[in-house]
């Protein structure tokens, strides 16, 4: 599903965010991405989403070489990637239902299909009864679950999460991780960037560790 072949990323100011990364993540695998602040975790996720381009090497997503992808193909790539953020990035002028429906509206799905898929996603995260509420009325954990429902509503084969439990207490963090496990069990590839090493250790999945842009643990080539 994900393969990095000798990937480096150097910014115009000379900062080398990533150095010669080699790893792959199999379809349906769940992995954690760890490392100190500034280690390169966010840059790695941006390369997968084609928000940034590699300075060297090749990034492959589901067999597709992102360096050879035309700009017009990028939106189609991103439709197959669900993204969960630490700060939820919800729209507080819209209901829970409308927040989750947003990717389907962009995709141009039919209204009846949108309603069915949004309610299925909300049911999966335990928020079906709160679809008419404004997200600001929800707890932090519930807001994060709305973000997860939005990320998976169009059933992407790849799910990325950037510090999804950073603002949550241990119990809520465990609940969110359980949701990610459920998606993995139905074949979704899951990559989670996190500082929570204790939680990572309890989950028992492969860990990719970055240190000053270099992969120091978890590579498999």
N, C-alpha and C. Protein backbone atom coordinates (compact mmCIF):
# COMPACT_ATOMS: atom_id res chain seq x y z
N UNK A 1 0.83 -1.21 0.00
CA UNK A 1 0.00 0.00 0.00
C UNK A 1 0.87 1.26 0.00
N UNK A 2 1.88 1.32 0.91
CA UNK A 2 2.80 2.46 0.98
C UNK A 2 4.22 1.95 0.82
N UNK A 3 5.00 2.59 -0.05
CA UNK A 3 6.42 2.23 -0.17
C UNK A 3 7.25 3.49 -0.39
N UNK A 4 8.28 3.63 0.42
CA UNK A 4 9.26 4.72 0.29
C UNK A 4 10.58 4.10 -0.15
N UNK A 5 11.09 4.52 -1.30
CA UNK A 5 12.36 4.02 -1.82
C UNK A 5 13.39 5.15 -1.83
N UNK A 6 14.27 5.12 -0.84
CA UNK A 6 15.38 6.08 -0.76
C UNK A 6 14.89 7.53 -0.82
N UNK A 7 13.87 7.82 -0.01
CA UNK A 7 13.20 9.13 -0.07
C UNK A 7 13.86 10.14 0.86
N UNK A 8 14.18 11.30 0.30
CA UNK A 8 14.67 12.44 1.08
C UNK A 8 13.83 13.65 0.75
N UNK A 9 13.74 14.57 1.71
CA UNK A 9 13.03 15.83 1.49
C UNK A 9 13.85 16.98 2.05
N UNK A 10 14.28 17.86 1.14
CA UNK A 10 15.02 19.06 1.54
C UNK A 10 14.21 20.27 1.12
N UNK A 11 14.00 21.20 2.06
CA UNK A 11 13.25 22.41 1.77
C UNK A 11 14.17 23.47 1.18
N UNK A 12 13.56 24.51 0.61
CA UNK A 12 14.32 25.54 -0.08
C UNK A 12 15.28 26.28 0.84
N UNK A 13 14.96 26.31 2.14
CA UNK A 13 15.86 26.98 3.09
C UNK A 13 17.05 26.12 3.49
N UNK A 14 17.14 24.92 2.90
CA UNK A 14 18.26 24.03 3.17
C UNK A 14 17.99 22.98 4.22
N UNK A 15 16.87 23.10 4.93
CA UNK A 15 16.55 22.12 5.97
C UNK A 15 16.21 20.77 5.35
N UNK A 16 16.92 19.74 5.78
CA UNK A 16 16.66 18.38 5.29
C UNK A 16 15.75 17.68 6.28
N UNK A 17 14.47 17.60 5.95
CA UNK A 17 13.46 17.06 6.87
C UNK A 17 13.49 15.54 6.93
N UNK A 18 13.80 14.91 5.80
CA UNK A 18 13.85 13.44 5.74
C UNK A 18 15.08 13.03 4.94
N UNK A 19 15.70 11.91 5.39
CA UNK A 19 16.92 11.45 4.73
C UNK A 19 16.83 9.97 4.39
N UNK A 20 16.80 9.66 3.12
CA UNK A 20 16.96 8.31 2.59
C UNK A 20 16.09 7.27 3.32
N UNK A 21 14.80 7.51 3.32
CA UNK A 21 13.88 6.59 3.98
C UNK A 21 13.56 5.41 3.08
N UNK A 22 13.62 4.21 3.66
CA UNK A 22 13.24 2.98 2.97
C UNK A 22 12.34 2.16 3.88
N UNK A 23 11.09 2.03 3.49
CA UNK A 23 10.16 1.17 4.24
C UNK A 23 8.93 0.92 3.38
N UNK A 24 8.17 -0.08 3.77
CA UNK A 24 6.89 -0.33 3.12
C UNK A 24 5.87 -0.75 4.17
N UNK A 25 4.61 -0.44 3.89
CA UNK A 25 3.50 -0.82 4.77
C UNK A 25 2.51 -1.59 3.92
N UNK A 26 2.20 -2.80 4.35
CA UNK A 26 1.36 -3.70 3.56
C UNK A 26 -0.11 -3.29 3.62
N UNK A 27 -0.89 -3.64 2.61
CA UNK A 27 -2.33 -3.40 2.67
C UNK A 27 -2.94 -4.05 3.91
N UNK A 28 -3.76 -3.30 4.64
CA UNK A 28 -4.40 -3.83 5.83
C UNK A 28 -3.53 -3.84 7.07
N UNK A 29 -2.32 -3.27 6.99
CA UNK A 29 -1.43 -3.21 8.15
C UNK A 29 -1.67 -1.92 8.93
N UNK A 30 -1.48 -1.99 10.24
CA UNK A 30 -1.56 -0.81 11.10
C UNK A 30 -0.18 -0.54 11.66
N UNK A 31 0.33 0.68 11.46
CA UNK A 31 1.66 1.06 11.92
C UNK A 31 1.60 2.38 12.67
N UNK A 32 2.56 2.55 13.54
CA UNK A 32 2.72 3.82 14.24
C UNK A 32 3.98 4.52 13.75
N UNK A 33 3.92 5.84 13.69
CA UNK A 33 5.05 6.67 13.30
C UNK A 33 5.40 7.56 14.49
N UNK A 34 6.58 7.37 15.04
CA UNK A 34 6.98 8.11 16.24
C UNK A 34 8.28 8.87 15.98
N UNK A 35 8.61 9.72 16.95
CA UNK A 35 9.83 10.51 16.85
C UNK A 35 9.63 11.84 17.57
N UNK A 36 10.74 12.48 17.89
CA UNK A 36 10.69 13.75 18.60
C UNK A 36 10.03 14.83 17.74
N UNK A 37 9.64 15.92 18.37
CA UNK A 37 9.09 17.05 17.63
C UNK A 37 10.13 17.55 16.62
N UNK A 38 9.74 17.66 15.37
CA UNK A 38 10.67 18.07 14.34
C UNK A 38 11.41 16.92 13.68
N UNK A 39 11.06 15.69 14.03
CA UNK A 39 11.75 14.52 13.47
C UNK A 39 11.42 14.27 12.02
N UNK A 40 10.27 14.80 11.56
CA UNK A 40 9.89 14.61 10.17
C UNK A 40 8.58 13.87 9.97
N UNK A 41 7.83 13.64 11.05
CA UNK A 41 6.59 12.87 10.94
C UNK A 41 5.56 13.55 10.03
N UNK A 42 5.34 14.83 10.27
CA UNK A 42 4.34 15.54 9.47
C UNK A 42 4.77 15.63 8.00
N UNK A 43 6.06 15.83 7.77
CA UNK A 43 6.56 15.87 6.39
C UNK A 43 6.30 14.54 5.70
N UNK A 44 6.53 13.44 6.40
CA UNK A 44 6.29 12.12 5.81
C UNK A 44 4.82 11.96 5.41
N UNK A 45 3.92 12.38 6.28
CA UNK A 45 2.49 12.29 5.96
C UNK A 45 2.14 13.17 4.77
N UNK A 46 2.76 14.34 4.69
CA UNK A 46 2.49 15.25 3.57
C UNK A 46 2.96 14.66 2.25
N UNK A 47 4.05 13.90 2.28
CA UNK A 47 4.52 13.24 1.06
C UNK A 47 3.51 12.20 0.59
N UNK A 48 2.91 11.48 1.53
CA UNK A 48 1.92 10.47 1.17
C UNK A 48 0.69 11.11 0.54
N UNK A 49 0.31 12.28 1.03
CA UNK A 49 -0.86 12.99 0.50
C UNK A 49 -0.53 13.86 -0.71
N UNK A 50 0.73 13.88 -1.10
CA UNK A 50 1.23 14.72 -2.20
C UNK A 50 0.99 16.20 -1.91
N UNK A 51 1.04 16.57 -0.62
CA UNK A 51 1.06 17.98 -0.25
C UNK A 51 2.48 18.52 -0.40
N UNK A 52 3.46 17.62 -0.38
CA UNK A 52 4.85 17.93 -0.65
C UNK A 52 5.39 16.88 -1.62
N UNK A 53 6.44 17.24 -2.34
CA UNK A 53 7.10 16.31 -3.25
C UNK A 53 8.46 15.92 -2.69
N UNK A 54 8.85 14.68 -2.88
CA UNK A 54 10.15 14.22 -2.44
C UNK A 54 11.25 14.92 -3.24
N UNK A 55 12.35 15.27 -2.58
CA UNK A 55 13.51 15.84 -3.26
C UNK A 55 14.33 14.77 -3.94
N UNK A 56 14.26 13.56 -3.38
CA UNK A 56 14.99 12.41 -3.92
C UNK A 56 14.20 11.16 -3.61
N UNK A 57 14.31 10.16 -4.48
CA UNK A 57 13.65 8.89 -4.23
C UNK A 57 12.22 8.86 -4.75
N UNK A 58 11.55 7.75 -4.46
CA UNK A 58 10.21 7.51 -4.99
C UNK A 58 9.25 7.13 -3.87
N UNK A 59 8.04 7.72 -3.91
CA UNK A 59 6.96 7.36 -3.00
C UNK A 59 5.87 6.67 -3.82
N UNK A 60 5.49 5.47 -3.39
CA UNK A 60 4.45 4.71 -4.07
C UNK A 60 3.26 4.53 -3.14
N UNK A 61 2.06 4.81 -3.63
CA UNK A 61 0.83 4.55 -2.89
C UNK A 61 -0.03 3.63 -3.76
N UNK A 62 -0.27 2.44 -3.25
CA UNK A 62 -1.05 1.43 -3.98
C UNK A 62 -0.48 1.21 -5.38
N UNK A 63 0.84 1.17 -5.46
CA UNK A 63 1.52 0.91 -6.71
C UNK A 63 1.71 2.12 -7.60
N UNK A 64 1.19 3.26 -7.22
CA UNK A 64 1.27 4.47 -8.05
C UNK A 64 2.44 5.34 -7.60
N UNK A 65 3.30 5.69 -8.54
CA UNK A 65 4.47 6.52 -8.26
C UNK A 65 4.04 7.98 -8.18
N UNK A 66 4.10 8.56 -6.98
CA UNK A 66 3.59 9.92 -6.80
C UNK A 66 4.45 10.96 -7.51
N UNK A 67 5.72 10.68 -7.72
CA UNK A 67 6.58 11.65 -8.39
C UNK A 67 6.22 11.80 -9.86
N UNK A 68 5.53 10.81 -10.40
CA UNK A 68 5.12 10.87 -11.81
C UNK A 68 3.65 11.25 -11.97
N UNK A 69 3.03 11.60 -10.87
CA UNK A 69 1.60 11.93 -10.89
C UNK A 69 1.40 13.36 -11.34
N UNK A 70 0.51 13.55 -12.30
CA UNK A 70 0.17 14.90 -12.75
C UNK A 70 -0.68 15.61 -11.70
N UNK A 71 -0.63 16.93 -11.71
CA UNK A 71 -1.37 17.72 -10.71
C UNK A 71 -2.86 17.39 -10.74
N UNK A 72 -3.39 17.14 -11.92
CA UNK A 72 -4.81 16.83 -12.03
C UNK A 72 -5.22 15.51 -11.43
N UNK A 73 -4.23 14.63 -11.16
CA UNK A 73 -4.52 13.33 -10.57
C UNK A 73 -4.53 13.36 -9.05
N UNK A 74 -3.97 14.43 -8.47
CA UNK A 74 -3.82 14.48 -7.01
C UNK A 74 -5.17 14.42 -6.28
N UNK A 75 -6.22 15.14 -6.72
CA UNK A 75 -7.49 15.02 -6.01
C UNK A 75 -8.03 13.59 -5.95
N UNK A 76 -7.79 12.81 -7.00
CA UNK A 76 -8.25 11.42 -7.00
C UNK A 76 -7.44 10.57 -6.02
N UNK A 77 -6.14 10.86 -5.91
CA UNK A 77 -5.32 10.20 -4.90
C UNK A 77 -5.88 10.46 -3.50
N UNK A 78 -6.20 11.73 -3.22
CA UNK A 78 -6.62 12.10 -1.87
C UNK A 78 -8.01 11.57 -1.52
N UNK A 79 -8.82 11.28 -2.52
CA UNK A 79 -10.13 10.68 -2.24
C UNK A 79 -9.97 9.28 -1.64
N UNK A 80 -8.82 8.66 -1.88
CA UNK A 80 -8.57 7.32 -1.36
C UNK A 80 -7.76 7.33 -0.07
N UNK A 81 -7.60 8.53 0.51
CA UNK A 81 -6.86 8.67 1.77
C UNK A 81 -7.72 9.42 2.77
N UNK A 82 -8.06 8.78 3.88
CA UNK A 82 -8.75 9.45 4.96
C UNK A 82 -7.72 10.04 5.91
N UNK A 83 -7.97 11.25 6.40
CA UNK A 83 -7.01 11.93 7.28
C UNK A 83 -7.71 12.38 8.55
N UNK A 84 -7.11 12.06 9.69
CA UNK A 84 -7.61 12.47 11.00
C UNK A 84 -6.57 13.38 11.64
N UNK A 85 -7.01 14.57 12.09
CA UNK A 85 -6.10 15.56 12.66
C UNK A 85 -6.25 15.64 14.17
N UNK A 86 -5.21 16.15 14.84
CA UNK A 86 -5.25 16.30 16.29
C UNK A 86 -6.33 17.29 16.72
N UNK A 87 -6.48 18.39 15.96
CA UNK A 87 -7.41 19.44 16.37
C UNK A 87 -8.76 19.32 15.66
N UNK A 88 -9.04 18.14 15.09
CA UNK A 88 -10.33 17.80 14.48
C UNK A 88 -10.60 18.52 13.16
N UNK A 89 -10.31 19.84 13.12
CA UNK A 89 -10.60 20.67 11.94
C UNK A 89 -12.05 20.53 11.49
N UNK A 90 -12.95 20.61 12.45
CA UNK A 90 -14.38 20.56 12.15
C UNK A 90 -14.90 21.97 11.85
N UNK A 91 -16.02 22.03 11.14
CA UNK A 91 -16.67 23.30 10.83
C UNK A 91 -17.77 23.53 11.85
N UNK A 92 -17.62 24.57 12.66
CA UNK A 92 -18.56 24.79 13.76
C UNK A 92 -19.80 25.58 13.34
N UNK A 93 -19.90 25.91 12.05
CA UNK A 93 -21.13 26.52 11.55
C UNK A 93 -22.01 25.48 10.85
N UNK A 94 -21.63 24.20 11.00
CA UNK A 94 -22.39 23.11 10.39
C UNK A 94 -22.64 22.02 11.43
N UNK A 95 -23.65 21.20 11.17
CA UNK A 95 -23.98 20.11 12.09
C UNK A 95 -22.96 18.99 11.98
N UNK A 96 -23.05 18.06 12.91
CA UNK A 96 -22.22 16.86 12.86
C UNK A 96 -22.44 16.14 11.53
N UNK A 97 -23.71 15.99 11.15
CA UNK A 97 -24.03 15.31 9.89
C UNK A 97 -23.35 16.00 8.72
N UNK A 98 -23.45 17.32 8.65
CA UNK A 98 -22.88 18.06 7.52
C UNK A 98 -21.36 17.99 7.50
N UNK A 99 -20.73 17.97 8.66
CA UNK A 99 -19.27 17.82 8.71
C UNK A 99 -18.84 16.49 8.11
N UNK A 100 -19.53 15.44 8.48
CA UNK A 100 -19.15 14.11 7.98
C UNK A 100 -19.46 13.98 6.50
N UNK A 101 -20.51 14.66 6.05
CA UNK A 101 -20.94 14.56 4.65
C UNK A 101 -20.01 15.29 3.69
N UNK A 102 -19.16 16.18 4.20
CA UNK A 102 -18.39 17.07 3.33
C UNK A 102 -17.58 16.34 2.25
N UNK A 103 -16.84 15.27 2.55
CA UNK A 103 -16.09 14.59 1.48
C UNK A 103 -16.99 14.03 0.40
N UNK A 104 -18.18 13.56 0.77
CA UNK A 104 -19.11 13.01 -0.21
C UNK A 104 -19.70 14.10 -1.09
N UNK A 105 -19.95 15.28 -0.50
CA UNK A 105 -20.44 16.41 -1.29
C UNK A 105 -19.41 16.83 -2.33
N UNK A 106 -18.15 16.87 -1.90
CA UNK A 106 -17.06 17.24 -2.82
C UNK A 106 -16.96 16.21 -3.94
N UNK A 107 -17.20 14.96 -3.59
CA UNK A 107 -17.11 13.87 -4.55
C UNK A 107 -18.29 13.86 -5.52
N UNK A 108 -19.38 14.55 -5.14
CA UNK A 108 -20.55 14.61 -6.00
C UNK A 108 -21.50 13.43 -5.83
N UNK A 109 -21.52 12.83 -4.64
CA UNK A 109 -22.39 11.68 -4.39
C UNK A 109 -23.86 12.11 -4.37
N UNK A 110 -24.75 11.16 -4.64
CA UNK A 110 -26.18 11.42 -4.62
C UNK A 110 -26.67 11.65 -3.19
N UNK A 111 -27.67 12.54 -2.99
CA UNK A 111 -28.15 12.84 -1.63
C UNK A 111 -28.56 11.61 -0.82
N UNK A 112 -29.27 10.68 -1.42
CA UNK A 112 -29.69 9.48 -0.68
C UNK A 112 -28.48 8.65 -0.26
N UNK A 113 -27.49 8.57 -1.14
CA UNK A 113 -26.27 7.82 -0.83
C UNK A 113 -25.50 8.52 0.28
N UNK A 114 -25.45 9.86 0.24
CA UNK A 114 -24.77 10.63 1.29
C UNK A 114 -25.41 10.34 2.64
N UNK A 115 -26.73 10.40 2.71
CA UNK A 115 -27.43 10.19 3.98
C UNK A 115 -27.12 8.80 4.54
N UNK A 116 -27.16 7.80 3.67
CA UNK A 116 -26.92 6.43 4.12
C UNK A 116 -25.50 6.25 4.63
N UNK A 117 -24.53 6.77 3.88
CA UNK A 117 -23.13 6.56 4.23
C UNK A 117 -22.72 7.39 5.45
N UNK A 118 -23.26 8.61 5.57
CA UNK A 118 -22.95 9.43 6.75
C UNK A 118 -23.48 8.76 8.01
N UNK A 119 -24.70 8.26 7.97
CA UNK A 119 -25.27 7.63 9.17
C UNK A 119 -24.56 6.32 9.50
N UNK A 120 -24.10 5.61 8.49
CA UNK A 120 -23.33 4.40 8.75
C UNK A 120 -22.00 4.74 9.44
N UNK A 121 -21.35 5.82 8.99
CA UNK A 121 -20.09 6.23 9.60
C UNK A 121 -20.29 6.72 11.03
N UNK A 122 -21.35 7.50 11.25
CA UNK A 122 -21.64 7.98 12.61
C UNK A 122 -22.01 6.84 13.54
N UNK A 123 -22.72 5.87 13.02
CA UNK A 123 -23.06 4.69 13.82
C UNK A 123 -21.80 3.94 14.22
N UNK A 124 -20.85 3.85 13.30
CA UNK A 124 -19.59 3.14 13.57
C UNK A 124 -18.82 3.78 14.73
N UNK A 125 -18.89 5.11 14.85
CA UNK A 125 -18.16 5.79 15.92
C UNK A 125 -19.06 6.13 17.11
N UNK A 126 -20.29 5.62 17.10
CA UNK A 126 -21.18 5.77 18.26
C UNK A 126 -21.81 7.13 18.41
N UNK A 127 -22.01 7.85 17.30
CA UNK A 127 -22.56 9.21 17.38
C UNK A 127 -23.81 9.40 16.54
N UNK A 128 -24.48 8.34 16.19
CA UNK A 128 -25.63 8.44 15.30
C UNK A 128 -26.72 9.34 15.88
N UNK A 129 -26.90 9.31 17.19
CA UNK A 129 -27.97 10.10 17.81
C UNK A 129 -27.61 11.59 17.93
N UNK A 130 -26.39 11.96 17.54
CA UNK A 130 -25.96 13.35 17.70
C UNK A 130 -25.72 14.02 16.35
N UNK A 131 -26.31 13.47 15.29
CA UNK A 131 -26.04 13.98 13.94
C UNK A 131 -26.53 15.41 13.73
N UNK A 132 -27.54 15.84 14.49
CA UNK A 132 -28.13 17.17 14.28
C UNK A 132 -27.47 18.24 15.15
N UNK A 133 -26.57 17.84 16.03
CA UNK A 133 -25.93 18.80 16.93
C UNK A 133 -24.81 19.56 16.22
N UNK A 134 -24.49 20.72 16.76
CA UNK A 134 -23.30 21.44 16.33
C UNK A 134 -22.10 20.80 17.05
N UNK A 135 -20.98 20.59 16.37
CA UNK A 135 -19.83 19.93 17.01
C UNK A 135 -19.35 20.62 18.28
N UNK A 136 -19.61 21.94 18.40
CA UNK A 136 -19.14 22.66 19.58
C UNK A 136 -19.84 22.18 20.85
N UNK A 137 -20.98 21.49 20.68
CA UNK A 137 -21.73 20.96 21.82
C UNK A 137 -21.19 19.61 22.28
N UNK A 138 -20.22 19.06 21.57
CA UNK A 138 -19.69 17.75 21.89
C UNK A 138 -18.42 17.86 22.74
N UNK A 139 -18.09 16.77 23.41
CA UNK A 139 -16.84 16.70 24.15
C UNK A 139 -15.67 16.57 23.17
N UNK A 140 -14.45 16.75 23.68
CA UNK A 140 -13.27 16.62 22.83
C UNK A 140 -13.17 15.24 22.20
N UNK A 141 -13.47 14.20 22.97
CA UNK A 141 -13.43 12.84 22.44
C UNK A 141 -14.47 12.63 21.35
N UNK A 142 -15.66 13.20 21.55
CA UNK A 142 -16.72 13.07 20.54
C UNK A 142 -16.35 13.83 19.27
N UNK A 143 -15.75 15.01 19.43
CA UNK A 143 -15.32 15.76 18.26
C UNK A 143 -14.28 14.97 17.46
N UNK A 144 -13.38 14.30 18.17
CA UNK A 144 -12.39 13.50 17.46
C UNK A 144 -13.06 12.35 16.70
N UNK A 145 -14.10 11.77 17.30
CA UNK A 145 -14.81 10.69 16.61
C UNK A 145 -15.57 11.20 15.38
N UNK A 146 -16.06 12.44 15.44
CA UNK A 146 -16.66 13.04 14.24
C UNK A 146 -15.60 13.16 13.14
N UNK A 147 -14.40 13.58 13.54
CA UNK A 147 -13.30 13.67 12.58
C UNK A 147 -12.96 12.33 11.95
N UNK A 148 -13.02 11.28 12.76
CA UNK A 148 -12.75 9.93 12.24
C UNK A 148 -13.86 9.50 11.28
N UNK A 149 -15.11 9.77 11.66
CA UNK A 149 -16.23 9.42 10.78
C UNK A 149 -16.10 10.14 9.43
N UNK A 150 -15.72 11.40 9.46
CA UNK A 150 -15.52 12.15 8.22
C UNK A 150 -14.40 11.55 7.38
N UNK A 151 -13.34 11.07 8.05
CA UNK A 151 -12.20 10.51 7.33
C UNK A 151 -12.52 9.19 6.65
N UNK A 152 -13.48 8.44 7.19
CA UNK A 152 -13.75 7.10 6.66
C UNK A 152 -15.08 7.00 5.92
N UNK A 153 -15.82 8.11 5.79
CA UNK A 153 -17.18 8.05 5.24
C UNK A 153 -17.18 7.56 3.79
N UNK A 154 -16.11 7.84 3.04
CA UNK A 154 -16.08 7.36 1.66
C UNK A 154 -15.25 6.08 1.51
N UNK A 155 -15.05 5.39 2.65
CA UNK A 155 -14.40 4.09 2.70
C UNK A 155 -13.03 4.07 2.00
N UNK A 156 -12.11 4.95 2.42
CA UNK A 156 -10.78 4.97 1.79
C UNK A 156 -9.98 3.73 2.19
N UNK A 157 -9.14 3.22 1.32
CA UNK A 157 -8.30 2.07 1.67
C UNK A 157 -7.13 2.42 2.58
N UNK A 158 -6.83 3.74 2.70
CA UNK A 158 -5.71 4.20 3.51
C UNK A 158 -6.19 5.28 4.46
N UNK A 159 -5.82 5.13 5.75
CA UNK A 159 -6.21 6.10 6.78
C UNK A 159 -4.95 6.60 7.47
N UNK A 160 -4.76 7.93 7.44
CA UNK A 160 -3.64 8.58 8.12
C UNK A 160 -4.16 9.36 9.31
N UNK A 161 -3.42 9.33 10.41
CA UNK A 161 -3.83 10.08 11.59
C UNK A 161 -2.61 10.80 12.16
N UNK A 162 -2.73 12.12 12.35
CA UNK A 162 -1.63 12.94 12.86
C UNK A 162 -1.93 13.36 14.29
N UNK A 163 -1.30 12.69 15.25
CA UNK A 163 -1.51 12.93 16.68
C UNK A 163 -3.00 12.91 17.05
N UNK A 164 -3.72 11.84 16.71
CA UNK A 164 -5.17 11.84 16.92
C UNK A 164 -5.60 11.80 18.38
N UNK A 165 -4.68 11.44 19.29
CA UNK A 165 -5.04 11.38 20.71
C UNK A 165 -4.30 12.44 21.53
N UNK A 166 -3.70 13.41 20.85
CA UNK A 166 -2.86 14.39 21.53
C UNK A 166 -3.57 15.20 22.58
N UNK A 167 -4.89 15.43 22.41
CA UNK A 167 -5.64 16.26 23.36
C UNK A 167 -6.61 15.44 24.21
N UNK A 168 -6.45 14.13 24.22
CA UNK A 168 -7.41 13.26 24.90
C UNK A 168 -6.79 12.60 26.13
N UNK A 169 -7.65 12.27 27.10
CA UNK A 169 -7.16 11.54 28.27
C UNK A 169 -6.94 10.08 27.90
N UNK A 170 -6.27 9.30 28.78
CA UNK A 170 -5.92 7.92 28.42
C UNK A 170 -7.11 7.04 28.02
N UNK A 171 -8.25 7.19 28.71
CA UNK A 171 -9.40 6.35 28.38
C UNK A 171 -9.93 6.67 26.98
N UNK A 172 -10.07 7.96 26.69
CA UNK A 172 -10.55 8.36 25.37
C UNK A 172 -9.54 7.98 24.29
N UNK A 173 -8.25 8.08 24.60
CA UNK A 173 -7.22 7.68 23.64
C UNK A 173 -7.36 6.21 23.29
N UNK A 174 -7.61 5.39 24.30
CA UNK A 174 -7.78 3.96 24.06
C UNK A 174 -9.00 3.69 23.20
N UNK A 175 -10.09 4.45 23.42
CA UNK A 175 -11.30 4.28 22.62
C UNK A 175 -11.05 4.63 21.16
N UNK A 176 -10.32 5.71 20.93
CA UNK A 176 -10.01 6.12 19.56
C UNK A 176 -9.14 5.07 18.87
N UNK A 177 -8.16 4.54 19.59
CA UNK A 177 -7.30 3.51 19.01
C UNK A 177 -8.09 2.24 18.70
N UNK A 178 -9.07 1.94 19.53
CA UNK A 178 -9.92 0.78 19.26
C UNK A 178 -10.68 0.96 17.94
N UNK A 179 -11.11 2.19 17.66
CA UNK A 179 -11.77 2.46 16.39
C UNK A 179 -10.83 2.21 15.22
N UNK A 180 -9.58 2.68 15.35
CA UNK A 180 -8.61 2.44 14.28
C UNK A 180 -8.38 0.94 14.08
N UNK A 181 -8.34 0.20 15.17
CA UNK A 181 -8.19 -1.26 15.08
C UNK A 181 -9.35 -1.87 14.30
N UNK A 182 -10.55 -1.38 14.52
CA UNK A 182 -11.71 -1.92 13.82
C UNK A 182 -11.60 -1.68 12.32
N UNK A 183 -11.09 -0.53 11.93
CA UNK A 183 -10.91 -0.26 10.50
C UNK A 183 -9.83 -1.17 9.92
N UNK A 184 -8.77 -1.39 10.67
CA UNK A 184 -7.73 -2.30 10.20
C UNK A 184 -8.29 -3.70 9.98
N UNK A 185 -9.17 -4.12 10.86
CA UNK A 185 -9.73 -5.48 10.78
C UNK A 185 -10.57 -5.70 9.52
N UNK A 186 -11.04 -4.62 8.90
CA UNK A 186 -11.81 -4.77 7.66
C UNK A 186 -10.95 -4.40 6.44
N UNK A 187 -9.62 -4.36 6.62
CA UNK A 187 -8.72 -4.23 5.49
C UNK A 187 -8.17 -2.86 5.21
N UNK A 188 -8.49 -1.86 6.05
CA UNK A 188 -7.96 -0.51 5.84
C UNK A 188 -6.51 -0.46 6.35
N UNK A 189 -5.64 0.16 5.55
CA UNK A 189 -4.26 0.40 5.97
C UNK A 189 -4.24 1.64 6.85
N UNK A 190 -3.62 1.56 8.03
CA UNK A 190 -3.67 2.65 9.00
C UNK A 190 -2.25 3.05 9.41
N UNK A 191 -1.94 4.34 9.29
CA UNK A 191 -0.66 4.87 9.74
C UNK A 191 -0.93 6.03 10.68
N UNK A 192 -0.44 5.92 11.92
CA UNK A 192 -0.74 6.89 12.96
C UNK A 192 0.55 7.52 13.48
N UNK A 193 0.67 8.85 13.34
CA UNK A 193 1.79 9.58 13.91
C UNK A 193 1.43 9.99 15.33
N UNK A 194 2.30 9.69 16.28
CA UNK A 194 1.96 9.97 17.68
C UNK A 194 3.22 10.11 18.54
N UNK A 195 3.07 10.89 19.63
CA UNK A 195 4.11 10.99 20.65
C UNK A 195 3.85 10.03 21.81
N UNK A 196 2.67 9.42 21.84
CA UNK A 196 2.24 8.63 23.00
C UNK A 196 2.88 7.24 22.96
N UNK A 197 4.11 7.14 23.44
CA UNK A 197 4.85 5.89 23.34
C UNK A 197 4.24 4.79 24.21
N UNK A 198 3.63 5.17 25.34
CA UNK A 198 2.98 4.18 26.18
C UNK A 198 1.83 3.51 25.47
N UNK A 199 1.02 4.31 24.80
CA UNK A 199 -0.11 3.77 24.05
C UNK A 199 0.38 2.90 22.90
N UNK A 200 1.43 3.34 22.22
CA UNK A 200 2.01 2.57 21.12
C UNK A 200 2.46 1.19 21.61
N UNK A 201 3.13 1.17 22.75
CA UNK A 201 3.63 -0.10 23.28
C UNK A 201 2.50 -1.06 23.61
N UNK A 202 1.39 -0.54 24.09
CA UNK A 202 0.26 -1.41 24.44
C UNK A 202 -0.43 -1.97 23.21
N UNK A 203 -0.35 -1.28 22.08
CA UNK A 203 -1.08 -1.71 20.89
C UNK A 203 -0.42 -2.89 20.20
N UNK A 204 0.90 -2.97 20.26
CA UNK A 204 1.58 -4.15 19.73
C UNK A 204 1.75 -4.19 18.22
N UNK A 205 1.71 -3.03 17.55
CA UNK A 205 1.91 -2.99 16.10
C UNK A 205 3.31 -2.47 15.77
N UNK A 206 3.68 -2.61 14.51
CA UNK A 206 5.00 -2.16 14.08
C UNK A 206 5.14 -0.65 14.28
N UNK A 207 6.33 -0.23 14.67
CA UNK A 207 6.60 1.18 14.94
C UNK A 207 7.73 1.65 14.02
N UNK A 208 7.46 2.72 13.28
CA UNK A 208 8.47 3.40 12.49
C UNK A 208 8.95 4.60 13.31
N UNK A 209 10.23 4.66 13.61
CA UNK A 209 10.75 5.74 14.44
C UNK A 209 11.69 6.63 13.64
N UNK A 210 11.39 7.94 13.64
CA UNK A 210 12.23 8.92 12.98
C UNK A 210 13.09 9.66 14.00
N UNK A 211 14.33 9.93 13.62
CA UNK A 211 15.23 10.73 14.47
C UNK A 211 15.98 11.68 13.55
N UNK A 212 15.67 12.96 13.69
CA UNK A 212 16.28 13.99 12.83
C UNK A 212 16.19 13.60 11.36
N UNK A 213 15.00 13.12 10.96
CA UNK A 213 14.76 12.84 9.55
C UNK A 213 15.20 11.49 9.05
N UNK A 214 15.84 10.71 9.91
CA UNK A 214 16.30 9.38 9.51
C UNK A 214 15.44 8.31 10.18
N UNK A 215 15.17 7.23 9.45
CA UNK A 215 14.41 6.12 10.00
C UNK A 215 15.36 5.23 10.79
N UNK A 216 15.15 5.18 12.12
CA UNK A 216 16.07 4.43 12.98
C UNK A 216 15.44 3.14 13.50
N UNK A 217 14.17 2.92 13.20
CA UNK A 217 13.51 1.69 13.65
C UNK A 217 12.29 1.43 12.77
N UNK A 218 12.04 0.16 12.45
CA UNK A 218 10.82 -0.23 11.78
C UNK A 218 10.92 -0.42 10.29
N UNK A 219 12.05 -0.06 9.67
CA UNK A 219 12.19 -0.26 8.24
C UNK A 219 12.25 -1.75 7.91
N UNK A 220 11.90 -2.09 6.67
CA UNK A 220 11.81 -3.51 6.35
C UNK A 220 12.38 -3.83 4.97
N UNK A 221 13.36 -3.05 4.54
CA UNK A 221 13.96 -3.34 3.23
C UNK A 221 15.43 -3.72 3.41
